[in-house]
Amino acid sequence: MAVVTVFAVLLASLLIARVGAVALTLTGMSHESSRFQARSAFFGVGFTTAEAEAVVGHPVRRRIIAWLILLGNAGVISILGSLVISFGGERDTLGHVGILLAGLVVVALLATSRPVDRVLTRVIRRLLGRWTDLEVRDYAAVLELEGGYTVAELLVERQDWIAGRCLGAVTLRDEGVVVLGVRRHGGAYVGAPDGDTAIAPGDVLTLYGREDRVAELDRRVRGDAGDHAHRVAIDEQERVEAREGAG
C-alpha cells in the first residue's frame, strides 16, 4: 500500500507541474520555458532573474506560479519523503525498494515520453480552454518553432558583419531572417524595427528564422567574407522558398 501511495503522489506531482506548464504556454511563453518555470515553482528550486521577471510582470502567469508554489509546499513532497522513510519498518524492505525503483523507472519513462507529452498537452489545453479564462497565445506554435525555425537573441559585437549598418542595407529578410526587435545597449527597446534602424555594437537583436541561418549570422564577420556569406545565404533562401513552393 505504501508503494502504491508513493506512485500516486509522484504521478500527482508530475500532473500538477504539467498542467502549470501548459497553462503558461497559453499565456504566450515557449514550451521549454513554461515547463522549466512550472517545475521550478512546484518543486521550490527557484529560477533565473530574467525569466522570473517575465512571469512576475504578467498577472496571469503570476497567478499560475503562485498556485504551483502553494501546491508544491502543501506537503506533497514531504509526504513522499515520509513514505520512503516508512519502508524502514517493513520486513521485506529490499523487495519494497526494488518495486519502488522499478515503478520510478516507469514513471520517468512516462514523464519523458513525447507521445504521452503530446496527448497530455492536448487534453490539458482543451480542459483549460473550457474551464478557465486563459487567453490562448502559444507563440511557439504560431511561429512553428518546431519546424526548424527559432526565435533567438544575437548580441552584436564590433567585428560582426551587421554592426554599424542599417537593417535596410543588410536585407536580412532576403536570407529568411526577420528582426523582431532591438534591445539597445543602454536598455531602450525598438519593436518591429524598420529599414532605417541602425545596429550598433552592444545591441541585442531578437531574430526569427531557420536555426542554422541564425547561427551562421551570429558567426559572420565584416568584410568581403561576410558579404560573400550574405549572397550565399540569399541564394540558399531562394532555393528553400522554391522547394517549399513546389511542395
C-alpha atoms as a PDB file:
ATOM      1  CA  MET A   1       0.000   0.000   0.000  1.00  0.00           C
ATOM      2  CA  ALA A   2       2.853   2.363   0.811  1.00  0.00           C
ATOM      3  CA  VAL A   3       4.437   1.764  -2.617  1.00  0.00           C
ATOM      4  CA  VAL A   4       1.141   2.467  -4.377  1.00  0.00           C
ATOM      5  CA  THR A   5       0.786   5.687  -2.385  1.00  0.00           C
ATOM      6  CA  VAL A   6       4.292   6.770  -3.413  1.00  0.00           C
ATOM      7  CA  PHE A   7       3.452   6.260  -7.085  1.00  0.00           C
ATOM      8  CA  ALA A   8       0.178   8.137  -6.670  1.00  0.00           C
ATOM      9  CA  VAL A   9       1.981  11.092  -5.093  1.00  0.00           C
ATOM     10  CA  LEU A  10       4.620  11.092  -7.838  1.00  0.00           C
ATOM     11  CA  LEU A  11       2.059  10.986 -10.628  1.00  0.00           C
ATOM     12  CA  ALA A  12       0.019  13.730  -8.971  1.00  0.00           C
ATOM     13  CA  SER A  13       3.122  15.914  -8.690  1.00  0.00           C
ATOM     14  CA  LEU A  14       4.052  15.404 -12.339  1.00  0.00           C
ATOM     15  CA  LEU A  15       0.484  16.056 -13.452  1.00  0.00           C
ATOM     16  CA  ILE A  16       0.222  19.294 -11.463  1.00  0.00           C
ATOM     17  CA  ALA A  17       3.522  20.540 -12.903  1.00  0.00           C
ATOM     18  CA  ARG A  18       2.362  19.575 -16.412  1.00  0.00           C
ATOM     19  CA  VAL A  19      -0.937  21.444 -16.014  1.00  0.00           C
ATOM     20  CA  GLY A  20       1.005  24.504 -14.871  1.00  0.00           C
ATOM     21  CA  ALA A  21       3.364  24.265 -17.858  1.00  0.00           C
ATOM     22  CA  VAL A  22       0.510  24.050 -20.358  1.00  0.00           C
ATOM     23  CA  ALA A  23      -1.269  26.943 -18.646  1.00  0.00           C
ATOM     24  CA  LEU A  24       1.876  29.066 -19.006  1.00  0.00           C
ATOM     25  CA  THR A  25       2.144  28.261 -22.726  1.00  0.00           C
ATOM     26  CA  LEU A  26      -1.391  29.583 -23.130  1.00  0.00           C
ATOM     27  CA  THR A  27      -0.132  32.974 -21.917  1.00  0.00           C
ATOM     28  CA  GLY A  28       2.472  33.143 -24.681  1.00  0.00           C
ATOM     29  CA  MET A  29       5.532  31.506 -23.129  1.00  0.00           C
ATOM     30  CA  SER A  30       7.510  28.946 -25.118  1.00  0.00           C
ATOM     31  CA  HIS A  31       7.088  25.255 -24.322  1.00  0.00           C
ATOM     32  CA  GLU A  32      10.568  24.849 -22.859  1.00  0.00           C
ATOM     33  CA  SER A  33      10.403  27.981 -20.683  1.00  0.00           C
ATOM     34  CA  SER A  34       6.930  27.074 -19.448  1.00  0.00           C
ATOM     35  CA  ARG A  35       7.970  23.585 -18.437  1.00  0.00           C
ATOM     36  CA  PHE A  36      11.068  24.877 -16.650  1.00  0.00           C
ATOM     37  CA  GLN A  37       9.158  27.601 -14.810  1.00  0.00           C
ATOM     38  CA  ALA A  38       6.366  25.246 -13.750  1.00  0.00           C
ATOM     39  CA  ARG A  39       8.757  22.635 -12.383  1.00  0.00           C
ATOM     40  CA  SER A  40      10.871  25.270 -10.653  1.00  0.00           C
ATOM     41  CA  ALA A  41       7.873  26.789  -8.921  1.00  0.00           C
ATOM     42  CA  PHE A  42       6.275  23.488  -7.915  1.00  0.00           C
ATOM     43  CA  PHE A  43       9.439  21.902  -6.543  1.00  0.00           C
ATOM     44  CA  GLY A  44      10.660  25.165  -4.995  1.00  0.00           C
ATOM     45  CA  VAL A  45      14.100  25.219  -6.622  1.00  0.00           C
ATOM     46  CA  GLY A  46      13.993  28.806  -7.896  1.00  0.00           C
ATOM     47  CA  PHE A  47      14.635  30.188 -11.368  1.00  0.00           C
ATOM     48  CA  THR A  48      16.685  32.817 -13.163  1.00  0.00           C
ATOM     49  CA  THR A  49      16.086  36.541 -12.690  1.00  0.00           C
ATOM     50  CA  ALA A  50      15.222  37.293 -16.337  1.00  0.00           C
ATOM     51  CA  GLU A  51      12.626  34.534 -16.543  1.00  0.00           C
ATOM     52  CA  ALA A  52      11.267  35.411 -13.110  1.00  0.00           C
ATOM     53  CA  GLU A  53      10.623  38.962 -14.309  1.00  0.00           C
ATOM     54  CA  ALA A  54       8.764  37.621 -17.361  1.00  0.00           C
ATOM     55  CA  VAL A  55       6.498  35.674 -15.007  1.00  0.00           C
ATOM     56  CA  VAL A  56       6.043  38.198 -12.199  1.00  0.00           C
ATOM     57  CA  GLY A  57       5.333  41.029 -14.630  1.00  0.00           C
ATOM     58  CA  HIS A  58       2.397  39.140 -16.175  1.00  0.00           C
ATOM     59  CA  PRO A  59      -0.723  38.918 -13.934  1.00  0.00           C
ATOM     60  CA  VAL A  60      -1.976  35.572 -15.294  1.00  0.00           C
ATOM     61  CA  ARG A  61       1.443  33.910 -15.173  1.00  0.00           C
ATOM     62  CA  ARG A  62       1.950  35.239 -11.664  1.00  0.00           C
ATOM     63  CA  ARG A  63      -1.307  33.615 -10.552  1.00  0.00           C
ATOM     64  CA  ILE A  64      -0.342  30.277 -12.124  1.00  0.00           C
ATOM     65  CA  ILE A  65       3.078  30.302 -10.455  1.00  0.00           C
ATOM     66  CA  ALA A  66       1.513  31.232  -7.117  1.00  0.00           C
ATOM     67  CA  TRP A  67      -0.758  28.180  -7.257  1.00  0.00           C
ATOM     68  CA  LEU A  68       2.155  25.927  -8.197  1.00  0.00           C
ATOM     69  CA  ILE A  69       4.205  27.213  -5.267  1.00  0.00           C
ATOM     70  CA  LEU A  70       1.249  26.727  -2.926  1.00  0.00           C
ATOM     71  CA  LEU A  71       0.576  23.173  -4.084  1.00  0.00           C
ATOM     72  CA  GLY A  72       4.261  22.297  -4.051  1.00  0.00           C
ATOM     73  CA  ASN A  73       4.583  23.426  -0.458  1.00  0.00           C
ATOM     74  CA  ALA A  74       1.312  21.854   0.705  1.00  0.00           C
ATOM     75  CA  GLY A  75       3.080  18.689   1.741  1.00  0.00           C
ATOM     76  CA  VAL A  76       3.196  16.599  -1.442  1.00  0.00           C
ATOM     77  CA  ILE A  77       6.970  16.274  -1.426  1.00  0.00           C
ATOM     78  CA  SER A  78       7.045  15.854   2.368  1.00  0.00           C
ATOM     79  CA  ILE A  79       4.523  13.020   2.113  1.00  0.00           C
ATOM     80  CA  LEU A  80       6.722  11.313  -0.463  1.00  0.00           C
ATOM     81  CA  GLY A  81       9.771  11.540   1.811  1.00  0.00           C
ATOM     82  CA  SER A  82       7.813  10.211   4.786  1.00  0.00           C
ATOM     83  CA  LEU A  83       6.559   7.245   2.805  1.00  0.00           C
ATOM     84  CA  VAL A  84      10.052   6.322   1.660  1.00  0.00           C
ATOM     85  CA  ILE A  85      11.333   6.517   5.240  1.00  0.00           C
ATOM     86  CA  SER A  86       8.426   4.368   6.418  1.00  0.00           C
ATOM     87  CA  PHE A  87       9.798   1.447   4.421  1.00  0.00           C
ATOM     88  CA  GLY A  88      12.335   1.054   7.212  1.00  0.00           C
ATOM     89  CA  GLY A  89       9.658  -0.541   9.349  1.00  0.00           C
ATOM     90  CA  GLU A  90       8.816  -3.233   6.797  1.00  0.00           C
ATOM     91  CA  ARG A  91      10.301  -6.710   6.928  1.00  0.00           C
ATOM     92  CA  ASP A  92      10.758  -7.108   3.209  1.00  0.00           C
ATOM     93  CA  THR A  93      12.452  -3.740   2.791  1.00  0.00           C
ATOM     94  CA  LEU A  94      14.638  -4.879  -0.110  1.00  0.00           C
ATOM     95  CA  GLY A  95      11.643  -6.154  -2.037  1.00  0.00           C
ATOM     96  CA  HIS A  96       9.723  -2.941  -1.489  1.00  0.00           C
ATOM     97  CA  VAL A  97      12.712  -0.865  -2.570  1.00  0.00           C
ATOM     98  CA  GLY A  98      13.003  -2.979  -5.738  1.00  0.00           C
ATOM     99  CA  ILE A  99       9.340  -2.403  -6.550  1.00  0.00           C
ATOM    100  CA  LEU A 100       9.760   1.286  -5.827  1.00  0.00           C
ATOM    101  CA  LEU A 101      12.772   1.612  -8.125  1.00  0.00           C
ATOM    102  CA  ALA A 102      11.025  -0.279 -10.932  1.00  0.00           C
ATOM    103  CA  GLY A 103       7.999   1.957 -10.548  1.00  0.00           C
ATOM    104  CA  LEU A 104      10.160   5.060 -10.590  1.00  0.00           C
ATOM    105  CA  VAL A 105      11.698   3.937 -13.876  1.00  0.00           C
ATOM    106  CA  VAL A 106       8.224   3.504 -15.375  1.00  0.00           C
ATOM    107  CA  VAL A 107       7.142   6.942 -14.115  1.00  0.00           C
ATOM    108  CA  ALA A 108      10.334   8.515 -15.518  1.00  0.00           C
ATOM    109  CA  LEU A 109       9.722   6.896 -18.911  1.00  0.00           C
ATOM    110  CA  LEU A 110       6.157   8.186 -18.952  1.00  0.00           C
ATOM    111  CA  ALA A 111       7.289  11.678 -17.920  1.00  0.00           C
ATOM    112  CA  THR A 112       9.842  11.877 -20.756  1.00  0.00           C
ATOM    113  CA  SER A 113       7.728  10.182 -23.432  1.00  0.00           C
ATOM    114  CA  ARG A 114       6.932  12.526 -26.312  1.00  0.00           C
ATOM    115  CA  PRO A 115       3.703  10.718 -27.321  1.00  0.00           C
ATOM    116  CA  VAL A 116       2.472  10.918 -23.738  1.00  0.00           C
ATOM    117  CA  ASP A 117       3.513  14.573 -23.588  1.00  0.00           C
ATOM    118  CA  ARG A 118       1.558  15.393 -26.761  1.00  0.00           C
ATOM    119  CA  VAL A 119      -1.574  13.584 -25.579  1.00  0.00           C
ATOM    120  CA  LEU A 120      -1.484  15.170 -22.115  1.00  0.00           C
ATOM    121  CA  THR A 121      -0.848  18.609 -23.570  1.00  0.00           C
ATOM    122  CA  ARG A 122      -3.841  18.352 -25.904  1.00  0.00           C
ATOM    123  CA  VAL A 123      -6.126  17.132 -23.126  1.00  0.00           C
ATOM    124  CA  ILE A 124      -4.967  19.743 -20.597  1.00  0.00           C
ATOM    125  CA  ARG A 125      -5.144  22.528 -23.178  1.00  0.00           C
ATOM    126  CA  ARG A 126      -8.729  21.556 -24.040  1.00  0.00           C
ATOM    127  CA  LEU A 127      -9.765  21.425 -20.390  1.00  0.00           C
ATOM    128  CA  LEU A 128      -8.097  24.742 -19.562  1.00  0.00           C
ATOM    129  CA  GLY A 129      -9.754  26.354 -22.557  1.00  0.00           C
ATOM    130  CA  ARG A 130     -13.152  25.105 -21.395  1.00  0.00           C
ATOM    131  CA  TRP A 131     -12.921  25.853 -17.673  1.00  0.00           C
ATOM    132  CA  THR A 132     -10.618  28.862 -17.445  1.00  0.00           C
ATOM    133  CA  ASP A 133     -10.364  32.312 -18.996  1.00  0.00           C
ATOM    134  CA  LEU A 134      -6.715  31.936 -20.030  1.00  0.00           C
ATOM    135  CA  GLU A 135      -6.001  33.671 -23.305  1.00  0.00           C
ATOM    136  CA  VAL A 136      -4.701  31.192 -25.866  1.00  0.00           C
ATOM    137  CA  ARG A 137      -1.495  32.700 -27.238  1.00  0.00           C
ATOM    138  CA  ASP A 138       1.003  29.913 -27.800  1.00  0.00           C
ATOM    139  CA  TYR A 139       3.521  31.897 -29.820  1.00  0.00           C
ATOM    140  CA  ALA A 140       5.814  28.889 -30.193  1.00  0.00           C
ATOM    141  CA  ALA A 141       3.069  27.061 -32.066  1.00  0.00           C
ATOM    142  CA  VAL A 142       2.056  30.149 -34.071  1.00  0.00           C
ATOM    143  CA  LEU A 143       5.621  30.683 -35.282  1.00  0.00           C
ATOM    144  CA  GLU A 144       6.097  26.920 -35.923  1.00  0.00           C
ATOM    145  CA  LEU A 145       9.317  26.885 -33.933  1.00  0.00           C
ATOM    146  CA  GLU A 146       9.453  23.092 -34.128  1.00  0.00           C
ATOM    147  CA  GLY A 147       9.810  23.102 -37.909  1.00  0.00           C
ATOM    148  CA  GLY A 148      13.470  24.093 -37.939  1.00  0.00           C
ATOM    149  CA  TYR A 149      12.688  27.712 -37.102  1.00  0.00           C
ATOM    150  CA  THR A 150      13.614  29.513 -33.917  1.00  0.00           C
ATOM    151  CA  VAL A 151      13.412  32.815 -32.094  1.00  0.00           C
ATOM    152  CA  ALA A 152      16.853  33.725 -30.793  1.00  0.00           C
ATOM    153  CA  GLU A 153      18.809  36.672 -29.447  1.00  0.00           C
ATOM    154  CA  LEU A 154      22.012  37.828 -31.118  1.00  0.00           C
ATOM    155  CA  LEU A 155      24.497  40.067 -29.309  1.00  0.00           C
ATOM    156  CA  VAL A 156      26.111  42.379 -31.853  1.00  0.00           C
ATOM    157  CA  GLU A 157      29.863  42.651 -31.438  1.00  0.00           C
ATOM    158  CA  ARG A 158      32.189  45.170 -33.018  1.00  0.00           C
ATOM    159  CA  GLN A 159      33.581  42.754 -35.625  1.00  0.00           C
ATOM    160  CA  ASP A 160      30.175  41.427 -36.677  1.00  0.00           C
ATOM    161  CA  TRP A 161      29.059  41.855 -40.265  1.00  0.00           C
ATOM    162  CA  ILE A 162      25.875  43.611 -39.216  1.00  0.00           C
ATOM    163  CA  ALA A 163      27.488  46.076 -36.782  1.00  0.00           C
ATOM    164  CA  GLY A 164      27.322  49.753 -37.742  1.00  0.00           C
ATOM    165  CA  ARG A 165      24.826  49.201 -40.554  1.00  0.00           C
ATOM    166  CA  CYS A 166      21.113  49.838 -41.080  1.00  0.00           C
ATOM    167  CA  LEU A 167      18.690  46.951 -41.388  1.00  0.00           C
ATOM    168  CA  GLY A 168      17.646  48.160 -44.827  1.00  0.00           C
ATOM    169  CA  ALA A 169      21.230  47.808 -46.059  1.00  0.00           C
ATOM    170  CA  VAL A 170      21.763  44.245 -44.838  1.00  0.00           C
ATOM    171  CA  THR A 171      18.429  42.901 -46.207  1.00  0.00           C
ATOM    172  CA  LEU A 172      18.179  40.054 -43.724  1.00  0.00           C
ATOM    173  CA  ARG A 173      14.670  39.272 -44.925  1.00  0.00           C
ATOM    174  CA  ASP A 174      16.198  38.113 -48.209  1.00  0.00           C
ATOM    175  CA  GLU A 175      18.017  35.490 -46.140  1.00  0.00           C
ATOM    176  CA  GLY A 176      14.790  34.415 -44.442  1.00  0.00           C
ATOM    177  CA  VAL A 177      15.631  36.167 -41.175  1.00  0.00           C
ATOM    178  CA  VAL A 178      13.214  38.641 -39.572  1.00  0.00           C
ATOM    179  CA  VAL A 179      14.323  41.141 -36.920  1.00  0.00           C
ATOM    180  CA  LEU A 180      11.507  41.253 -34.361  1.00  0.00           C
ATOM    181  CA  GLY A 181      13.138  43.773 -32.044  1.00  0.00           C
ATOM    182  CA  VAL A 182      16.342  45.515 -30.987  1.00  0.00           C
ATOM    183  CA  ARG A 183      17.436  45.940 -27.383  1.00  0.00           C
ATOM    184  CA  ARG A 184      19.810  48.903 -27.287  1.00  0.00           C
ATOM    185  CA  HIS A 185      22.990  48.797 -25.253  1.00  0.00           C
ATOM    186  CA  GLY A 186      21.518  51.468 -22.951  1.00  0.00           C
ATOM    187  CA  GLY A 187      18.372  49.421 -22.313  1.00  0.00           C
ATOM    188  CA  ALA A 188      15.873  51.011 -24.723  1.00  0.00           C
ATOM    189  CA  TYR A 189      13.832  48.609 -26.868  1.00  0.00           C
ATOM    190  CA  VAL A 190      12.859  49.079 -30.515  1.00  0.00           C
ATOM    191  CA  GLY A 191       9.976  46.833 -31.517  1.00  0.00           C
ATOM    192  CA  ALA A 192       9.310  45.910 -35.162  1.00  0.00           C
ATOM    193  CA  PRO A 193      12.309  47.950 -36.425  1.00  0.00           C
ATOM    194  CA  ASP A 194      12.257  49.292 -39.989  1.00  0.00           C
ATOM    195  CA  GLY A 195      14.972  49.583 -42.602  1.00  0.00           C
ATOM    196  CA  ASP A 196      16.286  52.849 -41.174  1.00  0.00           C
ATOM    197  CA  THR A 197      17.089  51.269 -37.804  1.00  0.00           C
ATOM    198  CA  ALA A 198      20.869  51.319 -37.286  1.00  0.00           C
ATOM    199  CA  ILE A 199      22.541  48.441 -35.490  1.00  0.00           C
ATOM    200  CA  ALA A 200      25.413  49.255 -33.129  1.00  0.00           C
ATOM    201  CA  PRO A 201      27.835  47.069 -31.162  1.00  0.00           C
ATOM    202  CA  GLY A 202      26.257  46.073 -27.877  1.00  0.00           C
ATOM    203  CA  ASP A 203      22.735  45.867 -29.295  1.00  0.00           C
ATOM    204  CA  VAL A 204      20.824  42.625 -28.866  1.00  0.00           C
ATOM    205  CA  LEU A 205      18.663  41.563 -31.806  1.00  0.00           C
ATOM    206  CA  THR A 206      15.649  39.295 -31.435  1.00  0.00           C
ATOM    207  CA  LEU A 207      15.569  37.228 -34.624  1.00  0.00           C
ATOM    208  CA  TYR A 208      13.137  34.791 -36.188  1.00  0.00           C
ATOM    209  CA  GLY A 209      14.362  32.392 -38.843  1.00  0.00           C
ATOM    210  CA  ARG A 210      15.837  28.986 -39.546  1.00  0.00           C
ATOM    211  CA  GLU A 211      18.087  27.905 -36.701  1.00  0.00           C
ATOM    212  CA  ASP A 212      21.104  27.188 -38.897  1.00  0.00           C
ATOM    213  CA  ARG A 213      20.839  30.555 -40.643  1.00  0.00           C
ATOM    214  CA  VAL A 214      20.601  32.492 -37.376  1.00  0.00           C
ATOM    215  CA  ALA A 215      23.639  30.594 -36.053  1.00  0.00           C
ATOM    216  CA  GLU A 216      25.623  31.411 -39.208  1.00  0.00           C
ATOM    217  CA  LEU A 217      24.663  35.077 -38.978  1.00  0.00           C
ATOM    218  CA  ASP A 218      25.964  35.141 -35.407  1.00  0.00           C
ATOM    219  CA  ARG A 219      29.368  33.927 -36.664  1.00  0.00           C
ATOM    220  CA  ARG A 220      29.531  36.213 -39.711  1.00  0.00           C
ATOM    221  CA  VAL A 221      32.216  38.913 -39.610  1.00  0.00           C
ATOM    222  CA  ARG A 222      32.533  42.114 -41.594  1.00  0.00           C
ATOM    223  CA  GLY A 223      34.463  42.379 -44.835  1.00  0.00           C
ATOM    224  CA  ASP A 224      34.447  40.519 -48.143  1.00  0.00           C
ATOM    225  CA  ALA A 225      33.917  37.178 -46.428  1.00  0.00           C
ATOM    226  CA  GLY A 226      30.776  38.481 -44.718  1.00  0.00           C
ATOM    227  CA  ASP A 227      29.418  39.954 -47.952  1.00  0.00           C
ATOM    228  CA  HIS A 228      30.026  36.654 -49.707  1.00  0.00           C
ATOM    229  CA  ALA A 229      28.249  34.758 -46.920  1.00  0.00           C
ATOM    230  CA  HIS A 230      25.290  37.141 -47.298  1.00  0.00           C
ATOM    231  CA  ARG A 231      24.995  36.400 -51.026  1.00  0.00           C
ATOM    232  CA  VAL A 232      25.259  32.663 -50.400  1.00  0.00           C
ATOM    233  CA  ALA A 233      22.535  32.913 -47.757  1.00  0.00           C
ATOM    234  CA  ILE A 234      20.224  34.739 -50.179  1.00  0.00           C
ATOM    235  CA  ASP A 235      20.755  32.081 -52.859  1.00  0.00           C
ATOM    236  CA  GLU A 236      20.052  29.336 -50.340  1.00  0.00           C
ATOM    237  CA  GLN A 237      16.868  31.069 -49.180  1.00  0.00           C
ATOM    238  CA  GLU A 238      15.651  31.322 -52.763  1.00  0.00           C
ATOM    239  CA  ARG A 239      16.155  27.571 -53.165  1.00  0.00           C
ATOM    240  CA  VAL A 240      14.308  26.918 -49.897  1.00  0.00           C
ATOM    241  CA  GLU A 241      11.366  29.069 -50.993  1.00  0.00           C
ATOM    242  CA  ALA A 242      11.260  27.358 -54.398  1.00  0.00           C
ATOM    243  CA  ARG A 243      11.319  23.936 -52.723  1.00  0.00           C
ATOM    244  CA  GLU A 244       8.610  24.883 -50.233  1.00  0.00           C
ATOM    245  CA  GLY A 245       6.516  26.381 -53.022  1.00  0.00           C
ATOM    246  CA  ALA A 246       6.818  23.224 -55.068  1.00  0.00           C
ATOM    247  CA  GLY A 247       5.834  21.141 -52.024  1.00  0.00           C
END
